[in-house]
Protein backbone atom coordinates (compact mmCIF):
# COMPACT_ATOMS: atom_id res chain seq x y z
CA UNK A 1 -66.65 -25.69 56.24
CA UNK A 2 -65.00 -28.73 57.79
CA UNK A 3 -65.22 -32.37 56.85
CA UNK A 4 -66.30 -35.06 59.24
CA UNK A 5 -63.16 -36.05 61.11
CA UNK A 6 -61.52 -38.71 63.18
CA UNK A 7 -59.13 -36.99 65.59
CA UNK A 8 -57.50 -33.85 64.22
CA UNK A 9 -57.28 -35.13 60.64
CA UNK A 10 -60.42 -34.78 58.48
CA UNK A 11 -61.67 -38.30 57.79
CA UNK A 12 -62.66 -37.63 54.18
CA UNK A 13 -59.47 -35.79 53.19
CA UNK A 14 -58.46 -39.01 51.40
CA UNK A 15 -61.76 -40.19 49.91
CA UNK A 16 -60.32 -43.48 48.67
CA UNK A 17 -58.95 -44.37 52.11
CA UNK A 18 -62.24 -43.37 53.76
CA UNK A 19 -64.22 -45.57 51.36
CA UNK A 20 -62.15 -48.67 52.08
CA UNK A 21 -62.37 -48.13 55.83
CA UNK A 22 -66.15 -47.73 55.74
CA UNK A 23 -66.61 -50.57 53.24
CA UNK A 24 -64.51 -53.04 55.19
CA UNK A 25 -65.80 -52.11 58.63
CA UNK A 26 -69.42 -52.13 57.43
CA UNK A 27 -69.30 -55.60 55.93
CA UNK A 28 -67.23 -56.89 58.85
CA UNK A 29 -70.02 -55.69 61.11
CA UNK A 30 -72.61 -57.39 58.88
CA UNK A 31 -70.72 -60.67 59.08
CA UNK A 32 -70.34 -60.42 62.84
CA UNK A 33 -74.01 -59.66 63.44
CA UNK A 34 -75.25 -62.44 61.11
CA UNK A 35 -72.85 -65.00 62.58
CA UNK A 36 -73.67 -64.13 66.20
CA UNK A 37 -77.37 -64.07 65.38
CA UNK A 38 -77.18 -67.57 63.87
CA UNK A 39 -75.23 -68.97 66.81
CA UNK A 40 -77.64 -67.32 69.27
CA UNK A 41 -80.55 -69.05 67.46
CA UNK A 42 -78.85 -72.44 67.84
CA UNK A 43 -77.96 -72.77 64.13
CA UNK A 44 -74.52 -74.11 64.96
CA UNK A 45 -71.03 -73.07 63.92
CA UNK A 46 -71.60 -74.36 60.39
CA UNK A 47 -73.87 -71.37 59.86
CA UNK A 48 -70.69 -69.22 59.73
CA UNK A 49 -69.68 -70.73 56.35
CA UNK A 50 -72.65 -69.52 54.27
CA UNK A 51 -72.59 -66.26 56.21
CA UNK A 52 -68.97 -65.73 55.19
CA UNK A 53 -69.81 -66.49 51.54
CA UNK A 54 -72.78 -64.12 51.68
CA UNK A 55 -70.62 -61.39 53.20
CA UNK A 56 -67.95 -61.84 50.53
CA UNK A 57 -70.66 -61.66 47.86
CA UNK A 58 -72.11 -58.46 49.28
CA UNK A 59 -68.66 -56.96 49.63
CA UNK A 60 -67.80 -57.73 46.00
CA UNK A 61 -71.17 -56.61 44.61
CA UNK A 62 -71.00 -53.27 46.41
CA UNK A 63 -67.52 -52.69 45.00
CA UNK A 64 -68.97 -53.13 41.51
CA UNK A 65 -71.90 -50.88 42.45
CA UNK A 66 -69.53 -48.20 43.77
CA UNK A 67 -67.62 -48.25 40.49
CA UNK A 68 -70.86 -47.72 38.58
CA UNK A 69 -72.21 -45.08 41.00
CA UNK A 70 -68.95 -43.14 40.75
CA UNK A 71 -69.64 -42.64 37.04
CA UNK A 72 -73.33 -41.94 37.50
CA UNK A 73 -73.11 -39.33 40.27
CA UNK A 74 -72.19 -36.51 37.87
CA UNK A 75 -74.82 -37.42 35.27
CA UNK A 76 -78.24 -35.85 34.88
CA UNK A 77 -80.53 -36.81 37.81
CA UNK A 78 -82.91 -38.87 35.65
CA UNK A 79 -80.00 -40.97 34.35
CA UNK A 80 -78.39 -41.27 37.77
CA UNK A 81 -81.47 -42.48 39.62
CA UNK A 82 -83.01 -44.68 36.93
CA UNK A 83 -79.73 -46.48 36.23
CA UNK A 84 -78.96 -46.77 39.95
CA UNK A 85 -82.33 -48.44 40.60
CA UNK A 86 -81.73 -50.94 37.79
CA UNK A 87 -78.27 -51.73 39.17
CA UNK A 88 -79.74 -52.08 42.67
CA UNK A 89 -82.45 -54.54 41.54
CA UNK A 90 -79.99 -56.68 39.53
CA UNK A 91 -77.46 -56.68 42.39
CA UNK A 92 -80.18 -57.65 44.90
CA UNK A 93 -81.31 -60.57 42.73
CA UNK A 94 -77.73 -61.78 42.34
CA UNK A 95 -77.05 -61.35 46.07
CA UNK A 96 -80.18 -63.29 47.04
CA UNK A 97 -79.49 -66.09 44.57
CA UNK A 98 -75.95 -66.61 45.88
CA UNK A 99 -77.14 -66.35 49.49
CA UNK A 100 -79.85 -68.99 48.93
CA UNK A 101 -77.39 -71.25 47.10
CA UNK A 102 -74.79 -70.89 49.88
CA UNK A 103 -77.28 -71.83 52.61
CA UNK A 104 -78.73 -74.77 50.68
CA UNK A 105 -75.24 -76.07 49.83
CA UNK A 106 -73.33 -75.65 53.10
CA UNK A 107 -75.94 -75.37 55.82
CA UNK A 108 -79.18 -77.07 54.82
CA UNK A 109 -78.18 -79.32 51.97
CA UNK A 110 -80.89 -80.08 49.43
CA UNK A 111 -83.30 -77.58 50.95
CA UNK A 112 -83.89 -74.83 48.39
CA UNK A 113 -86.31 -72.08 49.52
CA UNK A 114 -88.89 -70.88 47.06
CA UNK A 115 -91.98 -68.74 46.76
CA UNK A 116 -92.54 -66.35 49.68
CA UNK A 117 -89.36 -67.50 51.42
CA UNK A 118 -87.21 -66.64 48.40
CA UNK A 119 -89.10 -63.35 47.91
CA UNK A 120 -88.44 -62.49 51.56
CA UNK A 121 -84.72 -63.08 51.04
CA UNK A 122 -84.76 -60.78 47.98
CA UNK A 123 -86.57 -58.02 49.90
CA UNK A 124 -84.11 -58.23 52.81
CA UNK A 125 -81.11 -58.11 50.51
CA UNK A 126 -82.69 -55.33 48.48
CA UNK A 127 -83.16 -53.30 51.68
CA UNK A 128 -79.55 -53.94 52.69
CA UNK A 129 -78.12 -52.86 49.32
CA UNK A 130 -80.55 -49.92 49.12
CA UNK A 131 -79.28 -48.73 52.50
CA UNK A 132 -75.68 -49.14 51.30
CA UNK A 133 -76.51 -47.16 48.11
CA UNK A 134 -78.22 -44.41 50.09
CA UNK A 135 -75.21 -44.10 52.38
CA UNK A 136 -72.82 -44.04 49.40
CA UNK A 137 -74.74 -41.30 47.58
CA UNK A 138 -75.41 -39.39 50.80
CA UNK A 139 -71.73 -39.19 51.75
CA UNK A 140 -70.62 -38.30 48.23
CA UNK A 141 -73.28 -35.63 47.79
CA UNK A 142 -72.27 -34.19 51.15
CA UNK A 143 -68.64 -34.05 50.04
CA UNK A 144 -69.60 -32.44 46.72
CA UNK A 145 -71.63 -29.77 48.51
CA UNK A 146 -68.81 -29.19 50.97
CA UNK A 147 -66.30 -28.85 48.13
CA UNK A 148 -68.57 -26.37 46.34
CA UNK A 149 -69.00 -24.42 49.57
CA UNK A 150 -65.26 -24.28 50.15
CA UNK A 151 -64.74 -23.17 46.56
CA UNK A 152 -67.31 -20.39 47.00
CA UNK A 153 -65.56 -19.26 50.18
CA UNK A 154 -62.21 -19.20 48.38
CA UNK A 155 -63.71 -17.18 45.54
CA UNK A 156 -65.27 -14.72 48.00
CA UNK A 157 -61.95 -14.29 49.80
CA UNK A 158 -60.16 -13.77 46.48
CA UNK A 159 -62.77 -11.23 45.37
CA UNK A 160 -62.54 -9.41 48.70
CA UNK A 161 -58.73 -9.38 48.54
CA UNK A 162 -58.83 -8.05 44.99
CA UNK A 163 -61.23 -5.31 46.04
CA UNK A 164 -59.03 -4.34 49.00
CA UNK A 165 -55.97 -4.29 46.76
CA UNK A 166 -57.74 -2.08 44.24
CA UNK A 167 -58.77 0.36 46.96
CA UNK A 168 -55.25 0.51 48.37
CA UNK A 169 -53.72 1.06 44.95
CA UNK A 170 -55.96 4.10 44.49
CA UNK A 171 -53.99 5.92 47.18
CA UNK A 172 -50.46 5.80 45.81
CA UNK A 173 -50.95 7.62 42.45
CA UNK A 174 -52.94 10.39 44.12
CA UNK A 175 -50.41 10.90 46.90
CA UNK A 176 -47.45 10.63 44.53
CA UNK A 177 -48.91 13.28 42.25
CA UNK A 178 -49.21 15.81 45.08
CA UNK A 179 -45.79 15.06 46.56
CA UNK A 180 -43.88 15.00 43.28
CA UNK A 181 -45.58 18.24 42.28
CA UNK A 182 -44.34 19.81 45.54
CA UNK A 183 -40.81 18.47 44.97
CA UNK A 184 -40.86 19.87 41.45
CA UNK A 185 -41.86 23.27 42.83
CA UNK A 186 -39.04 23.19 45.39
CA UNK A 187 -36.55 22.32 42.66
CA UNK A 188 -37.78 25.21 40.51
CA UNK A 189 -37.38 27.49 43.52
CA UNK A 190 -33.87 26.05 43.94
CA UNK A 191 -34.67 24.87 47.45
CA UNK A 192 -32.66 21.68 46.96
CA UNK A 193 -32.20 20.87 50.63
CA UNK A 194 -35.93 20.83 51.24
CA UNK A 195 -36.49 18.90 48.00
CA UNK A 196 -33.95 16.27 49.06
CA UNK A 197 -35.51 16.01 52.51
CA UNK A 198 -38.94 15.53 50.99
CA UNK A 199 -37.60 12.88 48.61
CA UNK A 200 -36.02 11.04 51.54
CA UNK A 201 -39.29 11.03 53.47
CA UNK A 202 -41.18 10.00 50.35
CA UNK A 203 -38.82 7.05 49.87
CA UNK A 204 -39.38 5.95 53.47
CA UNK A 205 -43.15 6.23 53.05
CA UNK A 206 -43.17 4.24 49.80
CA UNK A 207 -40.94 1.60 51.36
CA UNK A 208 -43.67 1.06 53.94
CA UNK A 209 -46.34 0.69 51.25
CA UNK A 210 -44.20 -1.88 49.41
CA UNK A 211 -43.39 -3.93 52.51
CA UNK A 212 -47.03 -4.30 53.48
CA UNK A 213 -49.38 -6.13 51.15
CA UNK A 214 -52.44 -4.19 49.98
CA UNK A 215 -54.68 -6.54 51.98
CA UNK A 216 -52.44 -6.57 55.07
CA UNK A 217 -53.42 -5.39 58.50
CA UNK A 218 -50.98 -3.55 60.75
CA UNK A 219 -50.93 -2.44 64.36
CA UNK A 220 -52.41 0.97 65.09
CA UNK A 221 -49.05 2.10 66.50
CA UNK A 222 -47.40 1.33 63.15
CA UNK A 223 -50.20 3.06 61.28
CA UNK A 224 -49.77 6.18 63.42
CA UNK A 225 -46.02 6.25 62.81
CA UNK A 226 -46.59 6.01 59.07
CA UNK A 227 -49.19 8.77 59.29
CA UNK A 228 -46.67 10.97 61.07
CA UNK A 229 -44.17 10.29 58.29
CA UNK A 230 -46.78 11.31 55.72
CA UNK A 231 -47.50 14.51 57.66
CA UNK A 232 -43.80 15.32 57.80
CA UNK A 233 -43.82 15.32 54.00
CA UNK A 234 -46.89 17.52 53.87
CA UNK A 235 -45.59 19.83 56.59
CA UNK A 236 -42.69 20.73 54.30
CA UNK A 237 -45.31 22.10 51.91
CA UNK A 238 -47.50 23.91 54.43
CA UNK A 239 -45.04 24.59 57.27
CA UNK A 240 -46.81 26.22 60.24
CA UNK A 241 -50.17 26.17 58.48
CA UNK A 242 -50.37 22.42 59.13
CA UNK A 243 -50.64 21.65 62.86
CA UNK A 244 -51.17 17.93 63.59
CA UNK A 245 -51.72 16.44 67.06
CA UNK A 246 -52.03 12.78 68.12
CA UNK A 247 -53.74 11.35 71.20
CA UNK A 248 -53.50 7.55 71.19
CA UNK A 249 -54.23 5.32 74.19
CA UNK A 250 -51.49 2.81 74.90
CA UNK A 251 -54.15 0.10 75.21
CA UNK A 252 -55.31 0.74 71.65
CA UNK A 253 -51.87 0.66 70.03
CA UNK A 254 -51.94 -3.14 69.57
CA UNK A 255 -55.19 -3.03 67.62
CA UNK A 256 -54.92 -4.16 64.01
CA UNK A 257 -56.51 -2.35 61.09
CA UNK A 258 -56.06 -2.19 57.29
CA UNK A 259 -52.80 -0.48 56.39
CA UNK A 260 -53.01 3.16 55.26
CA UNK A 261 -56.64 3.35 56.36
CA UNK A 262 -56.24 6.79 57.96
CA UNK A 263 -53.98 8.44 55.38
CA UNK A 264 -56.78 9.47 52.95
CA UNK A 265 -58.74 11.02 55.85
CA UNK A 266 -55.77 13.20 56.80
CA UNK A 267 -55.18 13.97 53.13
CA UNK A 268 -58.78 15.18 52.90
CA UNK A 269 -58.31 17.35 55.95
CA UNK A 270 -55.22 18.93 54.36
CA UNK A 271 -57.06 19.56 51.10
CA UNK A 272 -60.28 20.96 52.59
CA UNK A 273 -59.13 22.46 55.90
CA UNK A 274 -55.47 23.51 55.58
CA UNK A 275 -55.28 24.59 51.92
CA UNK A 276 -58.28 27.00 51.81
CA UNK A 277 -57.32 28.95 54.97
CA UNK A 278 -54.43 31.36 55.03
CA UNK A 279 -53.76 30.53 58.68
CA UNK A 280 -54.06 26.78 58.01
CA UNK A 281 -55.81 24.42 60.40
CA UNK A 282 -55.33 21.89 63.18
CA UNK A 283 -55.63 18.20 62.37
CA UNK A 284 -56.30 15.93 65.33
CA UNK A 285 -56.05 12.15 65.40
CA UNK A 286 -57.39 10.31 68.46
CA UNK A 287 -57.63 6.59 69.19
CA UNK A 288 -59.17 5.02 72.27
CA UNK A 289 -60.09 1.52 73.39
CA UNK A 290 -63.73 1.40 74.49
CA UNK A 291 -64.64 -2.07 75.69
CA UNK A 292 -63.94 -4.44 72.81
CA UNK A 293 -64.03 -1.66 70.22
CA UNK A 294 -61.43 0.81 68.99
CA UNK A 295 -62.68 4.31 68.30
CA UNK A 296 -60.58 6.45 65.97
CA UNK A 297 -61.42 10.13 65.42
CA UNK A 298 -59.87 12.30 62.72
CA UNK A 299 -60.94 15.94 62.96
CA UNK A 300 -59.86 19.32 61.66
CA UNK A 301 -60.60 23.00 62.27
CA UNK A 302 -61.19 23.88 58.65
CA UNK A 303 -63.92 26.15 57.27
CA UNK A 304 -67.58 25.14 57.45
CA UNK A 305 -68.55 22.74 54.70
CA UNK A 306 -71.80 22.32 52.84
CA UNK A 307 -73.04 18.80 53.55
CA UNK A 308 -74.15 17.16 50.32
CA UNK A 309 -75.93 13.93 49.50
CA UNK A 310 -72.78 11.93 50.03
CA UNK A 311 -72.25 13.38 53.50
CA UNK A 312 -69.75 16.22 53.04
CA UNK A 313 -67.64 18.20 50.66
CA UNK A 314 -64.69 16.28 52.09
CA UNK A 315 -65.71 13.25 50.05
CA UNK A 316 -63.28 14.24 47.26
CA UNK A 317 -65.56 13.14 44.49
CA UNK A 318 -63.16 14.73 42.03
CA UNK A 319 -60.42 12.18 42.77
CA UNK A 320 -62.37 9.09 43.78
CA UNK A 321 -60.42 8.65 47.03
CA UNK A 322 -60.83 9.85 50.58
CA UNK A 323 -63.98 9.12 52.50
CA UNK A 324 -65.40 6.85 49.82
CA UNK A 325 -62.19 4.82 49.75
CA UNK A 326 -62.08 4.50 53.55
CA UNK A 327 -65.75 3.53 53.75
CA UNK A 328 -65.32 0.85 51.09
CA UNK A 329 -62.21 -0.58 52.74
CA UNK A 330 -64.02 -0.79 56.09
CA UNK A 331 -66.92 -2.59 54.42
CA UNK A 332 -64.53 -5.05 52.81
CA UNK A 333 -62.56 -5.67 56.01
CA UNK A 334 -65.35 -5.76 58.62
CA UNK A 335 -68.69 -6.03 56.83
CA UNK A 336 -71.41 -4.56 59.05
CA UNK A 337 -69.26 -4.86 62.17
CA UNK A 338 -67.94 -1.29 62.08
CA UNK A 339 -69.02 2.33 62.45
CA UNK A 340 -68.20 5.12 60.03
CA UNK A 341 -69.72 8.53 60.83
CA UNK A 342 -68.96 12.00 59.54
CA UNK A 343 -69.86 15.24 61.28
CA UNK A 344 -69.60 18.82 60.08
CA UNK A 345 -69.87 21.83 62.38
CA UNK A 346 -71.68 24.79 60.80
CA UNK A 347 -69.20 27.05 62.62
CA UNK A 348 -66.26 25.23 61.05
CA UNK A 349 -64.56 21.90 61.49
CA UNK A 350 -65.04 18.39 60.18
CA UNK A 351 -64.88 15.06 62.02
CA UNK A 352 -64.70 11.42 60.93
CA UNK A 353 -65.44 8.74 63.54
CA UNK A 354 -64.45 5.12 62.99
CA UNK A 355 -65.18 2.20 65.30
CA UNK A 356 -63.83 -1.27 64.58
CA UNK A 357 -63.49 -4.49 66.60
CA UNK A 358 -60.42 -4.65 68.82
CA UNK A 359 -58.34 -7.35 67.15
CA UNK A 360 -54.73 -8.13 67.95
CA UNK A 361 -52.25 -10.52 66.34
CA UNK A 362 -52.95 -13.05 69.10
CA UNK A 363 -56.73 -12.88 68.63
CA UNK A 364 -56.36 -13.33 64.83
CA UNK A 365 -54.19 -16.42 65.29
CA UNK A 366 -56.67 -17.86 67.80
CA UNK A 367 -59.53 -17.32 65.34
């Protein structure tokens, strides 16, 4: 939400400054209109004197009213409105009395209006001060609503960021457990060279996760490189049983997406396609730019899976990560503006299809 503005700077950023500008310009306009109206009706230049006194009176009274309204605006509605009406009536009576006195003293000496004429002056001044009060409350209620709206937006962003962070943090313990278990096995088998190589790749992978914030978005090209690093670690466990391939359009490489979005999908494919089969499986990652959307496909040639209520056995309900994690992160990042489909071939093989808006660093800055 944006405040009303003059130029590029929001006008109500400094509420005190905005009040004095509106207050001074409003009463200056009142004085100008009254003075020009009197001169146009052949009342003479002397008419300016009582008009100036009347304007000064109205200016001063509304300052006192603003001070009172500032304290009333946060009270219960019945107190705010009843007290405001009382203040308005008293201020109107005082304004009319001083206006009548000023005209009878400086413009029409000795001529004091009474009866209907005095009542008419009170009604006019009451209308003027009522309009001023309505404008004062209207602007301040608008600013209060805007502030509440901005606060709600900030809270929603914070909640969304916290949710994204939580989902990202789910990945590291799960991945670390598998990798450290493999390193431990290599050490027990006295394959120190392979253990050291795996530790080196693990350090590089974790460095990436530490550099990027949990809520950060990265380019698809960077995500693919990190995915390849992850697969290098896993390939040391499975060797020729793990056969990854990548087909990524150059046009799609600049697309931005949540960091480590694809890693749990590949991890699922390893768990449910590579591990159960003695000959292993192929894991394919494709990314294409289709119009203003990026389509990413992660598929494997694993054994046929029994599709359950949640969509597939690949959902890793035992660990709480995988497809559920990816689906939740997409919902947090894109809302309804994304596609997440899973397909299982009865003859074997499993496919996850993701479509997200094509966003680049330049388009994010422009937004």
